[in-house]
Every structure is written in structure tokens, then in C-alpha cells.
Amino acid sequence: MIERLVAIMARLRDPETGCEWDRAQTFATIAPYTIEEAYEVADAIARGDIADLKDELGDLLLQVVFHSRIAEEAGQFALSDVVAAISDKMERRHPHIFGGADASPGWETIKAAERSAKPEHDGALAGVALSLPALSRAEKLQKRAARVGFDWPDPSGPRAKIDEELLEIESASDAERAEEVGDLLFAVVNWARHLGVDPEAALRAANVKFERRFAAMEASAGEQFAGMSLDEKEALWGSAKAAERA
């Protein structure tokens, strides 16, 4: 079945008879769409919408085929090379399943060994994608640092760091404030990591909760919502929270 999608993309990219928009795209121009499609897959999962998940997985697969077609046209690699590479990787990272080993040394251990074997390897933090959401990238950087011993032994360390960063924000100049807020967010991510909480997932859930409660406020107040005082809106917020808990 995937051959049909590959053929469709080849026709869309045909330099003479293809789609003008598809022909104009590059790795860089479609990368934002690839990221967006991955998030839409995650959103469908979070909503429990299986029909939508099927569609979103198709959209994400299209992105893989699109990138592969661009690479094939440039003589770099084809979709078959992508499939072969991930197949090799999965077998290599499961030696107890495919390689006859008695037990796996662990996914992260195998990944670390792969990174250190690369010629461009130049440190424990190398290769953490810049395009990741900032919260996720902060967590990955912290985990990498922790694997080489740069970490607090328990949650009390990053919790104290939060208080320290709050004080630094309060005493910062206008020019320094953005940097100090960044340090605070990094410290919050570190504390979440020590508590076993995925910070990216936690913030997504908080966004959904805020949207839900805000919509309840608007529905309760009707057209007069925008003109209400802050105290009145706070009362509506409290009612929305109470209704959810009930």
C-alpha cells in the first residue's frame, strides 16, 4: 500500500507535470509541517479519538515520504534506505530479542554507545535536537547531564534552585529579566524531572484545563463577560473549578 503513496508523491514532485507547491518545497520548508503533524498525532491520542488518530498518522507518514522523495531526487537516500536504517537500529537496540544476548544492557546505554561511536561526537549533550519544544529539550539536556553524574541526588536540590531563581528575577534589571525567567523555567523542569513528571505533558494538560475552565466562564457570563470586573471573573473561575471537582 505504501507504494501508492510513494508514487503519488513522485508525481506531485514531477518537475514538469507536478504540483507547483509540492515541487517548491525543501527539507527546511516542510519541517514545520512535520513537527505540527507529530503534535496532531499526540493530540488525537490525548483525546482518545481513534478515527482521527488514523488520519493524523497518515499525515505524519506523508511527511516521511515527502522528505524521502526530496532526498532521493538529490541522490542522497530513498524511503527504502530510511526503512532499512530504522530496522537495523531496532534490531541493534534489542540484542536480547534479535541478537541472541541473554539480556539487554538498556535502551539508553545502547543509545549512548552509538553516540560515542560517531566521529562527530563531542560531549554528553551532543545531538539533542534544537527543534524540540523548549521544555522537552531542557529535560533531555538534564537527563544527559545526569548520566555523567551532573545532577542533584534528590528533588530538594532543584526545589531550592527555584527559590534562588525567583529571588534573582526580583532583583534583575530589565535587560536581565528574560534570562533569569529562562533559568527559572529550566529549574522547574529539573524539579519536575526529579518528581517523575513529564513537564511537556504537564504543561499541555494545564493548557487544556485552562481552555476548558475559561470556556465555562464565558458560557456562564454570556455576552457581558468581557466587561466584567476582574473580581467577577475570578468568581466565575472559582465556580468553574468547583464544578469540575464536583
C-alpha atoms as a PDB file:
ATOM      1  CA  MET A   1       0.000   0.000   0.000  1.00  0.00           C
ATOM      2  CA  ILE A   2       2.812   2.441   0.744  1.00  0.00           C
ATOM      3  CA  GLU A   3       3.982   2.135  -2.861  1.00  0.00           C
ATOM      4  CA  ARG A   4       0.832   4.022  -3.885  1.00  0.00           C
ATOM      5  CA  LEU A   5       1.714   6.928  -1.592  1.00  0.00           C
ATOM      6  CA  VAL A   6       5.307   6.933  -2.853  1.00  0.00           C
ATOM      7  CA  ALA A   7       4.024   7.099  -6.448  1.00  0.00           C
ATOM      8  CA  ILE A   8       1.651   9.951  -5.579  1.00  0.00           C
ATOM      9  CA  MET A   9       4.486  11.967  -4.066  1.00  0.00           C
ATOM     10  CA  ALA A  10       6.731  11.283  -7.066  1.00  0.00           C
ATOM     11  CA  ARG A  11       4.011  12.588  -9.368  1.00  0.00           C
ATOM     12  CA  LEU A  12       3.410  15.667  -7.221  1.00  0.00           C
ATOM     13  CA  ARG A  13       7.145  16.431  -7.331  1.00  0.00           C
ATOM     14  CA  ASP A  14       7.458  15.856 -11.098  1.00  0.00           C
ATOM     15  CA  PRO A  15       9.335  18.906 -12.441  1.00  0.00           C
ATOM     16  CA  GLU A  16       7.089  19.216 -15.491  1.00  0.00           C
ATOM     17  CA  THR A  17       3.634  17.919 -14.573  1.00  0.00           C
ATOM     18  CA  GLY A  18       3.671  18.025 -10.764  1.00  0.00           C
ATOM     19  CA  CYS A  19       2.047  20.396  -8.266  1.00  0.00           C
ATOM     20  CA  GLU A  20       3.727  23.806  -8.146  1.00  0.00           C
ATOM     21  CA  TRP A  21       3.577  23.977  -4.342  1.00  0.00           C
ATOM     22  CA  ASP A  22       4.930  20.461  -3.773  1.00  0.00           C
ATOM     23  CA  ARG A  23       7.763  20.994  -6.273  1.00  0.00           C
ATOM     24  CA  ALA A  24       8.862  24.157  -4.485  1.00  0.00           C
ATOM     25  CA  GLN A  25       9.276  22.537  -1.061  1.00  0.00           C
ATOM     26  CA  THR A  26      12.578  21.712   0.631  1.00  0.00           C
ATOM     27  CA  PHE A  27      13.553  19.897   3.834  1.00  0.00           C
ATOM     28  CA  ALA A  28      13.501  23.240   5.637  1.00  0.00           C
ATOM     29  CA  THR A  29      10.151  24.448   4.350  1.00  0.00           C
ATOM     30  CA  ILE A  30       8.253  21.288   5.250  1.00  0.00           C
ATOM     31  CA  ALA A  31       9.982  20.688   8.593  1.00  0.00           C
ATOM     32  CA  PRO A  32       7.414  22.855  10.464  1.00  0.00           C
ATOM     33  CA  TYR A  33       4.611  20.744   8.966  1.00  0.00           C
ATOM     34  CA  THR A  34       6.376  17.568  10.106  1.00  0.00           C
ATOM     35  CA  ILE A  35       6.525  18.881  13.663  1.00  0.00           C
ATOM     36  CA  GLU A  36       2.899  20.012  13.501  1.00  0.00           C
ATOM     37  CA  GLU A  37       1.728  16.601  12.290  1.00  0.00           C
ATOM     38  CA  ALA A  38       3.571  14.859  15.141  1.00  0.00           C
ATOM     39  CA  TYR A  39       1.754  17.082  17.626  1.00  0.00           C
ATOM     40  CA  GLU A  40      -1.578  16.379  15.954  1.00  0.00           C
ATOM     41  CA  VAL A  41      -0.928  12.653  16.401  1.00  0.00           C
ATOM     42  CA  ALA A  42      -0.278  13.265  20.100  1.00  0.00           C
ATOM     43  CA  ASP A  43      -3.430  15.395  20.331  1.00  0.00           C
ATOM     44  CA  ALA A  44      -5.590  12.657  18.795  1.00  0.00           C
ATOM     45  CA  ILE A  45      -4.180  10.183  21.308  1.00  0.00           C
ATOM     46  CA  ALA A  46      -4.827  12.568  24.209  1.00  0.00           C
ATOM     47  CA  ARG A  47      -8.444  12.998  23.067  1.00  0.00           C
ATOM     48  CA  GLY A  48      -8.914   9.269  22.593  1.00  0.00           C
ATOM     49  CA  ASP A  49     -10.108   9.872  19.021  1.00  0.00           C
ATOM     50  CA  ILE A  50      -9.064   6.697  17.199  1.00  0.00           C
ATOM     51  CA  ALA A  51     -10.580   7.714  13.861  1.00  0.00           C
ATOM     52  CA  ASP A  52      -8.681  10.989  13.969  1.00  0.00           C
ATOM     53  CA  LEU A  53      -5.522   9.154  15.049  1.00  0.00           C
ATOM     54  CA  LYS A  54      -5.701   7.062  11.876  1.00  0.00           C
ATOM     55  CA  ASP A  55      -5.907  10.220   9.755  1.00  0.00           C
ATOM     56  CA  GLU A  56      -3.143  12.012  11.641  1.00  0.00           C
ATOM     57  CA  LEU A  57      -0.800   9.022  11.373  1.00  0.00           C
ATOM     58  CA  GLY A  58      -1.394   9.146   7.623  1.00  0.00           C
ATOM     59  CA  ASP A  59      -0.477  12.833   7.571  1.00  0.00           C
ATOM     60  CA  LEU A  60       2.696  12.072   9.525  1.00  0.00           C
ATOM     61  CA  LEU A  61       3.585   9.215   7.178  1.00  0.00           C
ATOM     62  CA  LEU A  62       3.180  11.599   4.259  1.00  0.00           C
ATOM     63  CA  GLN A  63       5.841  13.807   5.818  1.00  0.00           C
ATOM     64  CA  VAL A  64       8.289  10.875   5.919  1.00  0.00           C
ATOM     65  CA  VAL A  65       7.565  10.081   2.277  1.00  0.00           C
ATOM     66  CA  PHE A  66       7.904  13.771   1.344  1.00  0.00           C
ATOM     67  CA  HIS A  67      11.317  14.157   2.973  1.00  0.00           C
ATOM     68  CA  SER A  68      12.481  10.881   1.466  1.00  0.00           C
ATOM     69  CA  ARG A  69      11.393  11.948  -2.017  1.00  0.00           C
ATOM     70  CA  ILE A  70      13.319  15.222  -1.763  1.00  0.00           C
ATOM     71  CA  ALA A  71      16.405  13.286  -0.667  1.00  0.00           C
ATOM     72  CA  GLU A  72      16.006  10.737  -3.450  1.00  0.00           C
ATOM     73  CA  GLU A  73      15.835  13.486  -6.068  1.00  0.00           C
ATOM     74  CA  ALA A  74      19.125  14.847  -4.713  1.00  0.00           C
ATOM     75  CA  GLY A  75      20.731  11.396  -4.823  1.00  0.00           C
ATOM     76  CA  GLN A  76      21.073  11.233  -1.026  1.00  0.00           C
ATOM     77  CA  PHE A  77      18.746   8.425   0.111  1.00  0.00           C
ATOM     78  CA  ALA A  78      15.338   6.921  -0.625  1.00  0.00           C
ATOM     79  CA  LEU A  79      12.428   5.735   1.517  1.00  0.00           C
ATOM     80  CA  SER A  80      13.793   2.180   1.367  1.00  0.00           C
ATOM     81  CA  ASP A  81      17.014   3.427   2.991  1.00  0.00           C
ATOM     82  CA  VAL A  82      15.001   5.078   5.763  1.00  0.00           C
ATOM     83  CA  VAL A  83      13.130   1.826   6.434  1.00  0.00           C
ATOM     84  CA  ALA A  84      16.345  -0.212   6.352  1.00  0.00           C
ATOM     85  CA  ALA A  85      18.102   2.180   8.738  1.00  0.00           C
ATOM     86  CA  ILE A  86      15.345   2.114  11.359  1.00  0.00           C
ATOM     87  CA  SER A  87      15.031  -1.664  11.036  1.00  0.00           C
ATOM     88  CA  ASP A  88      18.767  -2.058  11.651  1.00  0.00           C
ATOM     89  CA  LYS A  89      18.557   0.310  14.614  1.00  0.00           C
ATOM     90  CA  MET A  90      15.645  -1.509  16.236  1.00  0.00           C
ATOM     91  CA  GLU A  91      17.407  -4.867  15.928  1.00  0.00           C
ATOM     92  CA  ARG A  92      20.662  -3.391  17.245  1.00  0.00           C
ATOM     93  CA  ARG A  93      18.921  -1.842  20.245  1.00  0.00           C
ATOM     94  CA  HIS A  94      17.175  -5.119  21.146  1.00  0.00           C
ATOM     95  CA  PRO A  95      20.099  -7.576  21.244  1.00  0.00           C
ATOM     96  CA  HIS A  96      18.211  -9.849  23.656  1.00  0.00           C
ATOM     97  CA  ILE A  97      15.448 -10.248  21.050  1.00  0.00           C
ATOM     98  CA  PHE A  98      17.310 -10.259  17.748  1.00  0.00           C
ATOM     99  CA  GLY A  99      20.971 -10.789  18.641  1.00  0.00           C
ATOM    100  CA  GLY A 100      21.000 -13.769  20.954  1.00  0.00           C
ATOM    101  CA  ALA A 101      22.084 -11.794  24.037  1.00  0.00           C
ATOM    102  CA  ASP A 102      20.860 -13.043  27.407  1.00  0.00           C
ATOM    103  CA  ALA A 103      19.661  -9.593  28.462  1.00  0.00           C
ATOM    104  CA  SER A 104      19.560  -6.066  27.103  1.00  0.00           C
ATOM    105  CA  PRO A 105      22.074  -3.576  28.535  1.00  0.00           C
ATOM    106  CA  GLY A 106      19.299  -0.974  28.369  1.00  0.00           C
ATOM    107  CA  TRP A 107      17.979   1.327  25.662  1.00  0.00           C
ATOM    108  CA  GLU A 108      19.765   4.426  26.949  1.00  0.00           C
ATOM    109  CA  THR A 109      23.048   2.554  27.383  1.00  0.00           C
ATOM    110  CA  ILE A 110      22.910   1.353  23.779  1.00  0.00           C
ATOM    111  CA  LYS A 111      21.995   4.842  22.519  1.00  0.00           C
ATOM    112  CA  ALA A 112      24.881   6.380  24.466  1.00  0.00           C
ATOM    113  CA  ALA A 113      27.302   3.863  22.949  1.00  0.00           C
ATOM    114  CA  GLU A 114      26.004   4.697  19.470  1.00  0.00           C
ATOM    115  CA  ARG A 115      26.505   8.408  20.056  1.00  0.00           C
ATOM    116  CA  SER A 116      30.036   7.972  21.380  1.00  0.00           C
ATOM    117  CA  ALA A 117      30.972   5.896  18.320  1.00  0.00           C
ATOM    118  CA  LYS A 118      30.054   8.675  15.899  1.00  0.00           C
ATOM    119  CA  PRO A 119      33.000  10.709  14.555  1.00  0.00           C
ATOM    120  CA  GLU A 120      31.268  13.986  15.362  1.00  0.00           C
ATOM    121  CA  HIS A 121      30.635  13.013  18.990  1.00  0.00           C
ATOM    122  CA  ASP A 122      31.943  15.811  21.182  1.00  0.00           C
ATOM    123  CA  GLY A 123      30.199  15.599  24.535  1.00  0.00           C
ATOM    124  CA  ALA A 124      27.379  14.185  26.618  1.00  0.00           C
ATOM    125  CA  LEU A 125      24.940  16.845  25.384  1.00  0.00           C
ATOM    126  CA  ALA A 126      25.694  16.438  21.676  1.00  0.00           C
ATOM    127  CA  GLY A 127      22.800  15.662  19.362  1.00  0.00           C
ATOM    128  CA  VAL A 128      19.846  16.954  21.416  1.00  0.00           C
ATOM    129  CA  ALA A 129      17.676  18.418  18.653  1.00  0.00           C
ATOM    130  CA  LEU A 130      17.361  22.199  18.628  1.00  0.00           C
ATOM    131  CA  SER A 131      13.860  21.916  17.137  1.00  0.00           C
ATOM    132  CA  LEU A 132      12.419  20.184  20.206  1.00  0.00           C
ATOM    133  CA  PRO A 133       9.951  22.163  22.327  1.00  0.00           C
ATOM    134  CA  ALA A 134      11.950  24.085  24.912  1.00  0.00           C
ATOM    135  CA  LEU A 135      10.572  22.147  27.896  1.00  0.00           C
ATOM    136  CA  SER A 136      11.308  18.782  26.307  1.00  0.00           C
ATOM    137  CA  ARG A 137      14.792  19.871  25.236  1.00  0.00           C
ATOM    138  CA  ALA A 138      15.578  21.137  28.738  1.00  0.00           C
ATOM    139  CA  GLU A 139      14.549  17.775  30.182  1.00  0.00           C
ATOM    140  CA  LYS A 140      16.670  15.853  27.661  1.00  0.00           C
ATOM    141  CA  LEU A 141      19.713  18.033  28.357  1.00  0.00           C
ATOM    142  CA  GLN A 142      19.275  17.462  32.091  1.00  0.00           C
ATOM    143  CA  LYS A 143      18.949  13.702  31.633  1.00  0.00           C
ATOM    144  CA  ARG A 144      22.115  13.624  29.529  1.00  0.00           C
ATOM    145  CA  ALA A 145      23.994  15.602  32.184  1.00  0.00           C
ATOM    146  CA  ALA A 146      22.637  13.291  34.896  1.00  0.00           C
ATOM    147  CA  ARG A 147      24.009  10.218  33.108  1.00  0.00           C
ATOM    148  CA  VAL A 148      27.537  11.561  33.569  1.00  0.00           C
ATOM    149  CA  GLY A 149      26.954  12.473  37.216  1.00  0.00           C
ATOM    150  CA  PHE A 150      25.956  16.145  36.992  1.00  0.00           C
ATOM    151  CA  ASP A 151      22.682  16.059  38.924  1.00  0.00           C
ATOM    152  CA  TRP A 152      21.161  16.547  42.354  1.00  0.00           C
ATOM    153  CA  PRO A 153      20.675  13.356  44.381  1.00  0.00           C
ATOM    154  CA  ASP A 154      17.025  14.152  45.226  1.00  0.00           C
ATOM    155  CA  PRO A 155      14.241  16.687  44.468  1.00  0.00           C
ATOM    156  CA  SER A 156      15.297  19.063  47.262  1.00  0.00           C
ATOM    157  CA  GLY A 157      18.158  20.444  45.171  1.00  0.00           C
ATOM    158  CA  PRO A 158      16.118  21.613  42.165  1.00  0.00           C
ATOM    159  CA  ARG A 159      13.346  22.782  44.513  1.00  0.00           C
ATOM    160  CA  ALA A 160      15.785  25.079  46.305  1.00  0.00           C
ATOM    161  CA  LYS A 161      17.081  26.279  42.946  1.00  0.00           C
ATOM    162  CA  ILE A 162      13.565  27.501  42.100  1.00  0.00           C
ATOM    163  CA  ASP A 163      13.565  29.770  45.161  1.00  0.00           C
ATOM    164  CA  GLU A 164      17.012  31.036  44.199  1.00  0.00           C
ATOM    165  CA  GLU A 165      15.905  31.846  40.652  1.00  0.00           C
ATOM    166  CA  LEU A 166      12.773  33.640  41.890  1.00  0.00           C
ATOM    167  CA  LEU A 167      14.931  35.943  44.015  1.00  0.00           C
ATOM    168  CA  GLU A 168      17.212  36.616  41.053  1.00  0.00           C
ATOM    169  CA  ILE A 169      14.240  37.607  38.894  1.00  0.00           C
ATOM    170  CA  GLU A 170      13.050  40.050  41.525  1.00  0.00           C
ATOM    171  CA  SER A 171      16.466  41.750  41.666  1.00  0.00           C
ATOM    172  CA  ALA A 172      17.177  41.585  37.918  1.00  0.00           C
ATOM    173  CA  SER A 173      17.328  44.607  35.653  1.00  0.00           C
ATOM    174  CA  ASP A 174      15.019  44.878  32.655  1.00  0.00           C
ATOM    175  CA  ALA A 175      17.837  43.618  30.424  1.00  0.00           C
ATOM    176  CA  GLU A 176      18.496  40.616  32.680  1.00  0.00           C
ATOM    177  CA  ARG A 177      14.910  39.583  33.373  1.00  0.00           C
ATOM    178  CA  ALA A 178      14.317  37.349  30.330  1.00  0.00           C
ATOM    179  CA  GLU A 179      17.489  35.380  31.061  1.00  0.00           C
ATOM    180  CA  GLU A 180      16.515  34.913  34.706  1.00  0.00           C
ATOM    181  CA  VAL A 181      12.996  33.778  33.780  1.00  0.00           C
ATOM    182  CA  GLY A 182      14.614  31.224  31.481  1.00  0.00           C
ATOM    183  CA  ASP A 183      16.728  29.977  34.372  1.00  0.00           C
ATOM    184  CA  LEU A 184      13.575  29.659  36.487  1.00  0.00           C
ATOM    185  CA  LEU A 185      11.797  27.596  33.826  1.00  0.00           C
ATOM    186  CA  PHE A 186      14.867  25.376  33.477  1.00  0.00           C
ATOM    187  CA  ALA A 187      14.847  24.833  37.253  1.00  0.00           C
ATOM    188  CA  VAL A 188      11.128  23.970  37.229  1.00  0.00           C
ATOM    189  CA  VAL A 189      11.762  21.380  34.506  1.00  0.00           C
ATOM    190  CA  ASN A 190      14.551  19.905  36.620  1.00  0.00           C
ATOM    191  CA  TRP A 191      12.290  19.658  39.661  1.00  0.00           C
ATOM    192  CA  ALA A 192       9.551  18.028  37.572  1.00  0.00           C
ATOM    193  CA  ARG A 193      12.092  15.502  36.263  1.00  0.00           C
ATOM    194  CA  HIS A 194      13.112  14.586  39.817  1.00  0.00           C
ATOM    195  CA  LEU A 195       9.449  14.175  40.743  1.00  0.00           C
ATOM    196  CA  GLY A 196       8.903  11.834  37.795  1.00  0.00           C
ATOM    197  CA  VAL A 197       6.664  14.306  35.948  1.00  0.00           C
ATOM    198  CA  ASP A 198       6.910  14.900  32.186  1.00  0.00           C
ATOM    199  CA  PRO A 199       6.990  18.733  32.057  1.00  0.00           C
ATOM    200  CA  GLU A 200       5.849  18.979  28.433  1.00  0.00           C
ATOM    201  CA  ALA A 201       2.851  16.711  29.070  1.00  0.00           C
ATOM    202  CA  ALA A 202       2.073  18.520  32.316  1.00  0.00           C
ATOM    203  CA  LEU A 203       2.022  21.913  30.613  1.00  0.00           C
ATOM    204  CA  ARG A 204      -0.122  20.589  27.746  1.00  0.00           C
ATOM    205  CA  ALA A 205      -2.610  19.287  30.315  1.00  0.00           C
ATOM    206  CA  ALA A 206      -2.569  22.642  32.115  1.00  0.00           C
ATOM    207  CA  ASN A 207      -3.286  24.430  28.815  1.00  0.00           C
ATOM    208  CA  VAL A 208      -6.257  22.152  28.144  1.00  0.00           C
ATOM    209  CA  LYS A 209      -7.554  22.701  31.665  1.00  0.00           C
ATOM    210  CA  PHE A 210      -7.243  26.475  31.324  1.00  0.00           C
ATOM    211  CA  GLU A 211      -9.106  26.429  27.989  1.00  0.00           C
ATOM    212  CA  ARG A 212     -11.869  24.276  29.447  1.00  0.00           C
ATOM    213  CA  ARG A 213     -12.385  26.446  32.527  1.00  0.00           C
ATOM    214  CA  PHE A 214     -12.176  29.685  30.554  1.00  0.00           C
ATOM    215  CA  ALA A 215     -14.820  28.412  28.132  1.00  0.00           C
ATOM    216  CA  ALA A 216     -17.034  27.583  31.114  1.00  0.00           C
ATOM    217  CA  MET A 217     -16.586  31.150  32.406  1.00  0.00           C
ATOM    218  CA  GLU A 218     -17.587  32.614  29.048  1.00  0.00           C
ATOM    219  CA  ALA A 219     -20.585  30.319  28.779  1.00  0.00           C
ATOM    220  CA  SER A 220     -21.722  31.274  32.267  1.00  0.00           C
ATOM    221  CA  ALA A 221     -21.387  35.044  31.771  1.00  0.00           C
ATOM    222  CA  GLY A 222     -22.567  35.273  28.173  1.00  0.00           C
ATOM    223  CA  GLU A 223     -22.033  38.449  26.156  1.00  0.00           C
ATOM    224  CA  GLN A 224     -21.239  40.562  29.217  1.00  0.00           C
ATOM    225  CA  PHE A 225     -18.098  38.552  30.066  1.00  0.00           C
ATOM    226  CA  ALA A 226     -15.559  40.979  28.568  1.00  0.00           C
ATOM    227  CA  GLY A 227     -16.979  43.944  30.521  1.00  0.00           C
ATOM    228  CA  MET A 228     -16.986  42.225  33.911  1.00  0.00           C
ATOM    229  CA  SER A 229     -14.514  43.221  36.607  1.00  0.00           C
ATOM    230  CA  LEU A 230     -11.538  41.051  37.446  1.00  0.00           C
ATOM    231  CA  ASP A 231     -13.122  40.106  40.783  1.00  0.00           C
ATOM    232  CA  GLU A 232     -16.271  38.968  38.983  1.00  0.00           C
ATOM    233  CA  LYS A 233     -14.198  36.915  36.545  1.00  0.00           C
ATOM    234  CA  GLU A 234     -12.237  35.392  39.406  1.00  0.00           C
ATOM    235  CA  ALA A 235     -15.529  34.336  40.971  1.00  0.00           C
ATOM    236  CA  LEU A 236     -16.544  32.671  37.698  1.00  0.00           C
ATOM    237  CA  TRP A 237     -13.174  30.914  37.589  1.00  0.00           C
ATOM    238  CA  GLY A 238     -13.752  29.603  41.101  1.00  0.00           C
ATOM    239  CA  SER A 239     -17.170  28.340  40.100  1.00  0.00           C
ATOM    240  CA  ALA A 240     -15.718  26.573  37.040  1.00  0.00           C
ATOM    241  CA  LYS A 241     -13.116  24.871  39.223  1.00  0.00           C
ATOM    242  CA  ALA A 242     -15.709  23.832  41.777  1.00  0.00           C
ATOM    243  CA  ALA A 243     -17.982  22.441  39.063  1.00  0.00           C
ATOM    244  CA  GLU A 244     -15.153  20.252  37.733  1.00  0.00           C
ATOM    245  CA  ARG A 245     -14.321  18.900  41.164  1.00  0.00           C
ATOM    246  CA  ALA A 246     -17.960  18.151  41.843  1.00  0.00           C
END
